[in-house]
Amino acid sequence: IKDTRARTAAELAKRGFEVVPSATNFLWVKPPKLGAKALFEALRADKILVRYFPGARTGDYLRITIATDGEMMAFLSALDRLMA
C-alpha cells in the first residue's frame, strides 16, 4: 500500500492535484480543474468510486482509497480522459 500510495500521489501531483501528505490507506486530494463534486460524479458514472464529503472545509477535496496497482492505473486513466 505504501508504494502504491506514493506512486499514485506522485502521478496526481504531476496532473496538478493538491495532495495532502498521507500515512494512511487513502489520499486526500484537491482537483486542479474540475470541482471535486463534478469529478466525483464523473468518476462514479465511469464506475470508479471515490469519496466526496460536501461541506465548507471538505467540499473541494476527494478521498481516494488506495487499491491494487491495476485499479489505481484504471483510476488514473479515467482521470486523464475526464480532465482532457
Protein backbone atom coordinates (compact mmCIF):
# COMPACT_ATOMS: atom_id res chain seq x y z
CA ILE A 1 0.00 0.00 0.00
CA LYS A 2 2.81 2.42 0.83
CA ASP A 3 4.44 2.08 -2.59
CA THR A 4 1.12 2.31 -4.45
CA ARG A 5 0.12 5.34 -2.38
CA ALA A 6 3.42 7.07 -3.13
CA ARG A 7 3.19 6.34 -6.88
CA THR A 8 -0.43 7.49 -7.03
CA ALA A 9 0.31 10.67 -5.07
CA ALA A 10 3.19 11.47 -7.44
CA GLU A 11 1.01 10.86 -10.51
CA LEU A 12 -1.75 13.05 -9.11
CA ALA A 13 0.73 15.82 -8.31
CA LYS A 14 2.00 15.65 -11.92
CA ARG A 15 -1.59 16.21 -13.03
CA GLY A 16 -1.86 19.33 -10.89
CA PHE A 17 -3.73 17.89 -7.92
CA GLU A 18 -3.05 19.23 -4.46
CA VAL A 19 -2.18 16.07 -2.49
CA VAL A 20 -2.24 16.21 1.31
CA PRO A 21 0.61 14.12 2.81
CA SER A 22 -0.70 10.76 4.00
CA ALA A 23 0.42 7.76 6.03
CA THR A 24 -2.99 6.08 5.67
CA ASN A 25 -4.66 3.82 3.11
CA PHE A 26 -6.14 6.82 1.29
CA LEU A 27 -5.20 10.13 -0.28
CA TRP A 28 -6.97 13.45 0.32
CA VAL A 29 -6.71 15.47 -2.88
CA LYS A 30 -7.96 18.69 -4.43
CA PRO A 31 -8.56 18.52 -8.20
CA PRO A 32 -6.96 21.28 -10.30
CA LYS A 33 -9.61 21.80 -13.00
CA LEU A 34 -12.98 20.23 -12.28
CA GLY A 35 -14.52 20.81 -8.91
CA ALA A 36 -14.40 17.86 -6.51
CA LYS A 37 -18.14 17.23 -6.75
CA ALA A 38 -18.13 17.27 -10.57
CA LEU A 39 -15.13 14.94 -10.70
CA PHE A 40 -16.73 12.63 -8.12
CA GLU A 41 -19.87 12.39 -10.25
CA ALA A 42 -17.91 11.85 -13.49
CA LEU A 43 -15.82 9.09 -11.91
CA ARG A 44 -18.93 7.46 -10.47
CA ALA A 45 -20.53 7.47 -13.93
CA ASP A 46 -17.37 5.67 -15.09
CA LYS A 47 -17.90 3.13 -12.27
CA ILE A 48 -14.87 4.36 -10.33
CA LEU A 49 -15.76 5.06 -6.74
CA VAL A 50 -14.07 7.70 -4.63
CA ARG A 51 -15.47 9.55 -1.63
CA TYR A 52 -16.80 13.10 -1.64
CA PHE A 53 -17.81 14.96 1.51
CA PRO A 54 -19.74 18.17 0.85
CA GLY A 55 -19.03 20.81 3.42
CA ALA A 56 -17.31 24.11 3.98
CA ARG A 57 -13.92 22.55 4.79
CA THR A 58 -14.15 19.32 2.77
CA GLY A 59 -16.13 20.15 -0.36
CA ASP A 60 -13.10 20.93 -2.52
CA TYR A 61 -11.45 17.55 -1.87
CA LEU A 62 -11.84 13.87 -2.73
CA ARG A 63 -10.84 10.89 -0.62
CA ILE A 64 -9.19 8.24 -2.77
CA THR A 65 -8.73 4.83 -1.19
CA ILE A 66 -5.55 3.06 -2.27
CA ALA A 67 -6.37 -0.16 -4.14
CA THR A 68 -4.36 -2.57 -6.28
CA ASP A 69 -1.84 -1.21 -8.76
CA GLY A 70 -4.17 -2.17 -11.62
CA GLU A 71 -7.15 -0.41 -10.06
CA MET A 72 -5.10 2.71 -9.41
CA MET A 73 -3.90 2.72 -13.05
CA ALA A 74 -7.54 2.45 -14.19
CA PHE A 75 -8.37 5.39 -11.91
CA LEU A 76 -5.53 7.49 -13.35
CA SER A 77 -6.54 6.58 -16.91
CA ALA A 78 -10.10 7.66 -16.18
CA LEU A 79 -8.81 10.95 -14.75
CA ASP A 80 -6.82 11.58 -17.90
CA ARG A 81 -9.93 11.03 -20.04
CA LEU A 82 -12.15 13.19 -17.84
CA MET A 83 -9.71 16.05 -17.42
CA ALA A 84 -8.55 16.27 -21.05
